[in-house]
Amino acid sequence: MRTRAKFLRAFVLLYAILGVSTSTFAAESIRISYSAISWLMTPVWMAEELGLFKKNGLDAQLIYIPSSPTSVQALLGGSVKVITPGSSGVVIAAAREVPIVAVAASTRRAPFALFTHPEITKPEELKGKVTGVTRFNSTTHMLTVLILRKRGLESFVSVRQMGDVPAMHQAFEQRIIAGMVSSYGPKARHRALTDAVQLNIPYAGSMMTVTRSFLQDRRDTVERVLRAYIEGMAVFLNQKATAKKVLVKYMRRDQSDFLEETYDTASKYLEPMPRVDPRIVPAILGFAGIKDVDVDEVTAKVIDNSVLDKLQRERFFENLFAKTK
């Protein structure tokens, strides 16, 4: 027993001298879902590929769940602890008293274009045609409806759900649909007819969302997830070659012009300070036709930037982005 005790003390002393934390050997397991094959998910992808979750004491498993409503269901069921969907499914769920909260978002603008086949040159030429979305109440559905609404076309264009982003792109390339709203252009010849940024449609992409109880009980875990997420974004924005390799792996497209265009778009719209913009709430409630709720109350329930506030007070963003430049 004495020999064992001496060995244990020597073991602890050695690792103390080397500066290795014992938490290294007890990484916390956590499942994180991403909901789209899109550059909007790059902070999570980068964090995984560069070992940033492990760096923050997390044994993370990324799971692809191609739907915001399905992601919310998985979160409530406990099969995942963090989801990263677009804003529509999260806000709609919160308006219906689902106890979830968004703690970060990769964008504040809606870098999505309405892509059509090249022979369609004006929005009104979409009348009587079909546009594709991933799923109803998804980000692509919300933005499609809001774009059509602003163009006075909502009642004249059919909307069909395709399943996920790759399936929607495939339907466009096969000319099953005449148009689609996406964060990047399809392989087939196309025209970017209009976009949500020009139309001033607010949006929060890749919303890091947890249950309220998880944020309350495991706030330290949420903070460590966000540290990895933000550092992943920093590396993406400052190390172009590494970023392109990750895009190729997850988006499965290696054309140089596509990678260059996608990286430039991502660099333009990703937010180094990923606060959730409250302007998204009234826009989404309007899209969903939800009128019997108080907008301010829903906003207070669904958005919590307090973890980011703490990191900002600690100068985490300033030190991190200065380091990666």
Protein backbone atom coordinates (compact mmCIF):
# COMPACT_ATOMS: atom_id res chain seq x y z
CA MET A 1 0.00 0.00 0.00
CA ARG A 2 2.84 2.40 0.87
CA THR A 3 4.58 1.63 -2.40
CA ARG A 4 1.36 2.30 -4.31
CA ALA A 5 0.81 5.58 -2.44
CA LYS A 6 4.37 6.70 -3.17
CA PHE A 7 3.91 5.87 -6.85
CA LEU A 8 0.66 7.82 -6.97
CA ARG A 9 2.24 10.88 -5.36
CA ALA A 10 5.16 10.72 -7.78
CA PHE A 11 2.74 10.40 -10.72
CA VAL A 12 0.74 13.48 -9.64
CA LEU A 13 3.93 15.45 -8.97
CA LEU A 14 5.32 14.61 -12.40
CA TYR A 15 2.24 15.88 -14.20
CA ALA A 16 2.11 18.97 -12.02
CA ILE A 17 5.72 19.71 -13.01
CA LEU A 18 4.92 19.16 -16.67
CA GLY A 19 1.88 21.42 -16.42
CA VAL A 20 -0.56 18.75 -17.63
CA SER A 21 -4.07 19.00 -16.20
CA THR A 22 -5.65 15.85 -14.82
CA SER A 23 -8.78 16.91 -16.73
CA THR A 24 -6.93 15.83 -19.88
CA PHE A 25 -7.64 12.25 -18.87
CA ALA A 26 -11.32 12.82 -18.10
CA ALA A 27 -12.65 14.71 -21.11
CA GLU A 28 -16.38 15.33 -20.89
CA SER A 29 -18.39 13.51 -23.56
CA ILE A 30 -20.82 15.68 -25.48
CA ARG A 31 -22.82 15.27 -28.68
CA ILE A 32 -23.19 18.29 -30.94
CA SER A 33 -25.35 18.34 -34.05
CA TYR A 34 -25.01 20.46 -37.18
CA SER A 35 -28.01 20.95 -39.42
CA ALA A 36 -26.72 21.86 -42.88
CA ILE A 37 -23.94 21.16 -45.36
CA SER A 38 -22.99 24.82 -45.56
CA TRP A 39 -20.09 27.10 -44.70
CA LEU A 40 -22.34 28.46 -41.93
CA MET A 41 -21.30 25.38 -39.94
CA THR A 42 -17.56 25.96 -40.34
CA PRO A 43 -16.89 27.11 -36.74
CA VAL A 44 -18.08 23.71 -35.50
CA TRP A 45 -16.31 21.78 -38.26
CA MET A 46 -13.05 23.63 -37.61
CA ALA A 47 -13.28 23.03 -33.87
CA GLU A 48 -13.64 19.30 -34.52
CA GLU A 49 -10.94 18.98 -37.16
CA LEU A 50 -8.35 21.00 -35.23
CA GLY A 51 -8.96 19.28 -31.91
CA LEU A 52 -10.28 22.43 -30.26
CA PHE A 53 -13.03 20.61 -28.39
CA LYS A 54 -10.38 18.29 -26.93
CA LYS A 55 -8.26 21.30 -26.07
CA ASN A 56 -11.17 22.51 -23.95
CA GLY A 57 -11.64 19.20 -22.16
CA LEU A 58 -14.48 17.91 -24.34
CA ASP A 59 -14.83 14.57 -26.07
CA ALA A 60 -17.18 15.87 -28.76
CA GLN A 61 -19.09 13.81 -31.29
CA LEU A 62 -20.54 15.69 -34.27
CA ILE A 63 -23.84 14.41 -35.66
CA TYR A 64 -25.52 15.59 -38.86
CA ILE A 65 -29.25 16.24 -38.34
CA PRO A 66 -30.53 17.98 -41.51
CA SER A 67 -33.51 19.81 -40.02
CA SER A 68 -33.97 22.52 -37.41
CA PRO A 69 -37.21 21.05 -35.98
CA THR A 70 -35.64 17.58 -35.81
CA SER A 71 -32.57 19.07 -34.13
CA VAL A 72 -34.79 20.66 -31.49
CA GLN A 73 -36.52 17.32 -30.89
CA ALA A 74 -33.13 15.60 -30.49
CA LEU A 75 -32.05 18.27 -28.02
CA LEU A 76 -35.19 17.88 -25.92
CA GLY A 77 -34.86 14.10 -26.03
CA GLY A 78 -31.30 14.28 -24.73
CA SER A 79 -29.64 12.48 -27.65
CA VAL A 80 -27.59 15.66 -28.27
CA LYS A 81 -26.64 18.44 -25.87
CA VAL A 82 -25.89 21.24 -28.32
CA ILE A 83 -27.50 21.94 -31.69
CA THR A 84 -26.46 24.44 -34.36
CA PRO A 85 -29.52 25.04 -36.56
CA GLY A 86 -30.68 28.16 -38.32
CA SER A 87 -32.80 30.58 -36.36
CA SER A 88 -36.31 29.73 -37.56
CA GLY A 89 -36.79 26.38 -35.83
CA VAL A 90 -35.32 27.67 -32.56
CA VAL A 91 -37.42 30.84 -32.35
CA ILE A 92 -40.64 29.06 -33.37
CA ALA A 93 -40.03 26.41 -30.72
CA ALA A 94 -39.34 29.04 -28.04
CA ALA A 95 -42.53 30.91 -28.99
CA ARG A 96 -44.37 27.65 -28.30
CA GLU A 97 -42.88 27.46 -24.79
CA VAL A 98 -40.14 24.94 -25.63
CA PRO A 99 -37.37 25.55 -23.01
CA ILE A 100 -34.39 26.17 -25.30
CA VAL A 101 -32.00 29.09 -25.60
CA ALA A 102 -29.50 30.29 -28.21
CA VAL A 103 -26.10 31.29 -26.82
CA ALA A 104 -24.24 32.23 -30.04
CA ALA A 105 -24.74 32.53 -33.81
CA SER A 106 -22.23 32.57 -36.65
CA THR A 107 -23.92 35.35 -38.67
CA ARG A 108 -26.24 38.33 -38.21
CA ARG A 109 -27.10 38.82 -41.87
CA ALA A 110 -28.70 36.40 -44.30
CA PRO A 111 -26.03 35.54 -46.91
CA PHE A 112 -28.49 33.50 -48.97
CA ALA A 113 -29.40 34.06 -52.62
CA LEU A 114 -32.43 32.99 -54.59
CA PHE A 115 -30.86 30.92 -57.36
CA THR A 116 -32.80 30.18 -60.55
CA HIS A 117 -32.05 28.61 -63.88
CA PRO A 118 -30.36 31.13 -66.20
CA GLU A 119 -33.38 31.62 -68.45
CA ILE A 120 -35.31 33.13 -65.54
CA THR A 121 -34.16 36.74 -65.53
CA LYS A 122 -36.79 38.49 -63.37
CA PRO A 123 -38.50 37.48 -60.11
CA GLU A 124 -41.96 37.63 -61.66
CA GLU A 125 -40.93 34.89 -64.11
CA LEU A 126 -41.09 32.47 -61.17
CA LYS A 127 -44.90 32.70 -61.16
CA GLY A 128 -46.45 29.28 -61.53
CA LYS A 129 -43.13 27.53 -60.90
CA VAL A 130 -41.75 25.46 -58.02
CA THR A 131 -38.99 26.44 -55.62
CA GLY A 132 -37.27 23.93 -53.38
CA VAL A 133 -36.50 24.11 -49.67
CA THR A 134 -34.86 21.61 -47.35
CA ARG A 135 -37.83 21.17 -45.00
CA PHE A 136 -40.82 23.23 -43.95
CA ASN A 137 -40.02 25.73 -41.15
CA SER A 138 -36.31 25.37 -41.94
CA THR A 139 -33.97 28.26 -42.66
CA THR A 140 -34.31 27.78 -46.41
CA HIS A 141 -38.10 27.72 -46.10
CA MET A 142 -38.21 30.87 -43.99
CA LEU A 143 -35.88 32.81 -46.28
CA THR A 144 -37.69 31.60 -49.41
CA VAL A 145 -41.03 32.79 -48.03
CA LEU A 146 -39.64 36.14 -46.86
CA ILE A 147 -37.89 36.79 -50.18
CA LEU A 148 -41.01 35.87 -52.18
CA ARG A 149 -43.13 37.97 -49.84
CA LYS A 150 -40.95 41.04 -50.32
CA ARG A 151 -41.19 40.52 -54.09
CA GLY A 152 -44.97 40.08 -53.97
CA LEU A 153 -44.73 36.48 -55.18
CA GLU A 154 -45.60 34.41 -52.11
CA SER A 155 -49.04 33.41 -53.45
CA PHE A 156 -47.79 32.66 -56.96
CA VAL A 157 -44.86 30.28 -56.36
CA SER A 158 -45.11 26.72 -55.05
CA VAL A 159 -42.71 25.50 -52.37
CA ARG A 160 -41.62 21.86 -52.15
CA GLN A 161 -39.42 20.28 -49.47
CA MET A 162 -36.44 18.24 -50.65
CA GLY A 163 -34.95 16.86 -47.41
CA ASP A 164 -31.60 18.57 -46.96
CA VAL A 165 -29.22 20.98 -48.72
CA PRO A 166 -27.49 18.40 -51.00
CA ALA A 167 -30.88 16.98 -52.05
CA MET A 168 -32.16 20.48 -52.80
CA HIS A 169 -29.11 21.22 -54.95
CA GLN A 170 -29.53 17.93 -56.76
CA ALA A 171 -33.18 18.71 -57.50
CA PHE A 172 -32.11 22.07 -58.94
CA GLU A 173 -29.43 20.48 -61.10
CA GLN A 174 -31.96 17.95 -62.40
CA ARG A 175 -34.41 20.82 -63.09
CA ILE A 176 -37.03 19.33 -60.79
CA ILE A 177 -37.31 22.77 -59.23
CA ALA A 178 -36.93 26.16 -60.89
CA GLY A 179 -35.33 27.93 -57.96
CA MET A 180 -33.94 27.58 -54.45
CA VAL A 181 -32.53 29.71 -51.67
CA SER A 182 -29.04 28.64 -50.64
CA SER A 183 -25.89 30.00 -49.01
CA TYR A 184 -23.84 28.89 -52.03
CA GLY A 185 -24.39 28.39 -55.74
CA PRO A 186 -25.23 25.06 -57.39
CA LYS A 187 -22.95 23.18 -59.77
CA ALA A 188 -25.36 23.67 -62.69
CA ARG A 189 -25.56 26.95 -64.61
CA HIS A 190 -27.61 29.39 -62.59
CA ARG A 191 -28.54 32.96 -61.92
CA ALA A 192 -28.52 34.67 -58.52
CA LEU A 193 -31.83 36.48 -58.94
CA THR A 194 -31.88 38.32 -55.61
CA ASP A 195 -30.57 37.85 -52.10
CA ALA A 196 -31.69 38.27 -48.54
CA VAL A 197 -28.95 40.75 -47.62
CA GLN A 198 -30.13 43.19 -50.29
CA LEU A 199 -33.65 42.79 -48.96
CA ASN A 200 -32.44 43.49 -45.38
CA ILE A 201 -33.74 40.23 -43.93
CA PRO A 202 -32.17 39.57 -40.50
CA TYR A 203 -30.81 36.12 -39.84
CA ALA A 204 -28.79 34.14 -37.31
CA GLY A 205 -26.89 31.19 -38.72
CA SER A 206 -25.48 28.16 -36.94
CA MET A 207 -27.16 29.10 -33.66
CA MET A 208 -25.48 27.35 -30.75
CA THR A 209 -28.56 26.23 -28.85
CA VAL A 210 -29.01 24.32 -25.59
CA THR A 211 -31.84 23.66 -23.18
CA ARG A 212 -32.31 26.22 -20.44
CA SER A 213 -31.60 23.59 -17.79
CA PHE A 214 -28.32 22.62 -19.49
CA LEU A 215 -27.17 26.25 -19.52
CA GLN A 216 -28.10 26.62 -15.87
CA ASP A 217 -26.62 23.34 -14.61
CA ARG A 218 -23.59 23.00 -16.90
CA ARG A 219 -22.66 26.54 -17.74
CA ASP A 220 -18.96 25.70 -17.67
CA THR A 221 -19.52 23.08 -20.37
CA VAL A 222 -21.38 25.60 -22.54
CA GLU A 223 -18.51 28.04 -22.10
CA ARG A 224 -15.95 25.45 -23.17
CA VAL A 225 -18.02 24.58 -26.25
CA LEU A 226 -18.16 28.27 -27.18
CA ARG A 227 -14.43 28.72 -26.66
CA ALA A 228 -13.78 25.91 -29.16
CA TYR A 229 -16.45 27.27 -31.53
CA ILE A 230 -15.03 30.78 -31.54
CA GLU A 231 -11.44 29.62 -31.92
CA GLY A 232 -12.57 27.46 -34.84
CA MET A 233 -14.04 30.55 -36.44
CA ALA A 234 -10.84 32.50 -35.83
CA VAL A 235 -8.70 29.87 -37.52
CA PHE A 236 -11.13 29.67 -40.44
CA LEU A 237 -10.95 33.43 -40.97
CA ASN A 238 -7.17 33.62 -40.68
CA GLN A 239 -5.88 30.38 -42.22
CA LYS A 240 -7.36 30.12 -45.68
CA ALA A 241 -5.57 26.95 -46.78
CA THR A 242 -6.68 25.05 -43.68
CA ALA A 243 -10.20 26.39 -44.04
CA LYS A 244 -10.46 25.17 -47.64
CA LYS A 245 -9.40 21.65 -46.64
CA VAL A 246 -12.21 21.52 -44.10
CA LEU A 247 -14.70 22.83 -46.68
CA VAL A 248 -13.68 20.08 -49.09
CA LYS A 249 -14.11 17.39 -46.44
CA TYR A 250 -17.58 18.41 -45.27
CA MET A 251 -19.07 19.92 -48.43
CA ARG A 252 -17.50 17.33 -50.74
CA ARG A 253 -16.72 19.81 -53.49
CA ASP A 254 -13.14 20.51 -54.47
CA GLN A 255 -13.51 22.86 -57.45
CA SER A 256 -11.10 25.74 -56.93
CA ASP A 257 -13.55 28.44 -58.05
CA PHE A 258 -16.25 27.11 -55.70
CA LEU A 259 -13.84 27.00 -52.76
CA GLU A 260 -12.58 30.50 -53.45
CA GLU A 261 -16.09 31.94 -53.77
CA THR A 262 -17.34 30.08 -50.70
CA TYR A 263 -14.39 31.14 -48.56
CA ASP A 264 -14.79 34.78 -49.64
CA THR A 265 -18.49 34.72 -48.77
CA ALA A 266 -17.86 33.08 -45.41
CA SER A 267 -15.10 35.56 -44.57
CA LYS A 268 -17.46 38.43 -45.35
CA TYR A 269 -20.37 37.25 -43.21
CA LEU A 270 -19.01 35.20 -40.30
CA GLU A 271 -19.07 37.24 -37.09
CA PRO A 272 -15.94 37.14 -34.89
CA MET A 273 -18.23 38.24 -32.03
CA PRO A 274 -21.06 35.72 -32.56
CA ARG A 275 -23.81 37.42 -30.57
CA VAL A 276 -27.39 36.46 -31.37
CA ASP A 277 -29.22 39.40 -32.99
CA PRO A 278 -32.66 40.02 -31.41
CA ARG A 279 -33.99 41.39 -34.72
CA ILE A 280 -34.46 37.82 -35.90
CA VAL A 281 -37.35 37.22 -33.51
CA PRO A 282 -40.04 39.48 -35.03
CA ALA A 283 -38.97 38.47 -38.55
CA ILE A 284 -39.39 34.76 -37.77
CA LEU A 285 -42.65 35.20 -35.89
CA GLY A 286 -43.98 37.09 -38.91
CA PHE A 287 -42.87 34.33 -41.25
CA ALA A 288 -44.57 31.69 -39.10
CA GLY A 289 -47.73 33.73 -38.64
CA ILE A 290 -47.39 33.61 -34.84
CA LYS A 291 -49.28 36.63 -33.50
CA ASP A 292 -50.53 35.61 -30.06
CA VAL A 293 -47.18 36.11 -28.28
CA ASP A 294 -45.23 39.03 -26.87
CA VAL A 295 -42.14 39.59 -29.04
CA ASP A 296 -40.05 40.95 -26.15
CA GLU A 297 -40.92 37.98 -23.95
CA VAL A 298 -39.98 35.49 -26.67
CA THR A 299 -36.73 37.37 -27.29
CA ALA A 300 -35.81 37.25 -23.61
CA LYS A 301 -36.55 33.51 -23.49
CA VAL A 302 -34.70 32.45 -26.63
CA ILE A 303 -31.54 34.59 -26.58
CA ASP A 304 -28.83 34.53 -23.90
CA ASN A 305 -25.55 36.24 -24.78
CA SER A 306 -24.26 36.15 -21.19
CA VAL A 307 -21.55 33.54 -21.81
CA LEU A 308 -20.20 35.64 -24.68
CA ASP A 309 -20.34 38.70 -22.40
CA LYS A 310 -18.14 36.86 -19.89
CA LEU A 311 -15.62 35.90 -22.58
CA GLN A 312 -15.57 39.48 -23.81
CA ARG A 313 -14.84 40.78 -20.30
CA GLU A 314 -11.93 38.35 -20.15
CA ARG A 315 -10.65 39.74 -23.50
CA PHE A 316 -10.92 36.26 -25.01
CA PHE A 317 -11.89 37.61 -28.43
CA GLU A 318 -9.23 40.29 -28.45
CA ASN A 319 -6.45 37.88 -27.47
CA LEU A 320 -7.63 35.10 -29.76
CA PHE A 321 -8.03 37.09 -32.94
CA ALA A 322 -4.81 39.01 -32.34
CA LYS A 323 -3.06 35.64 -31.92
CA THR A 324 -4.40 34.15 -35.14
CA LYS A 325 -3.65 37.12 -37.40
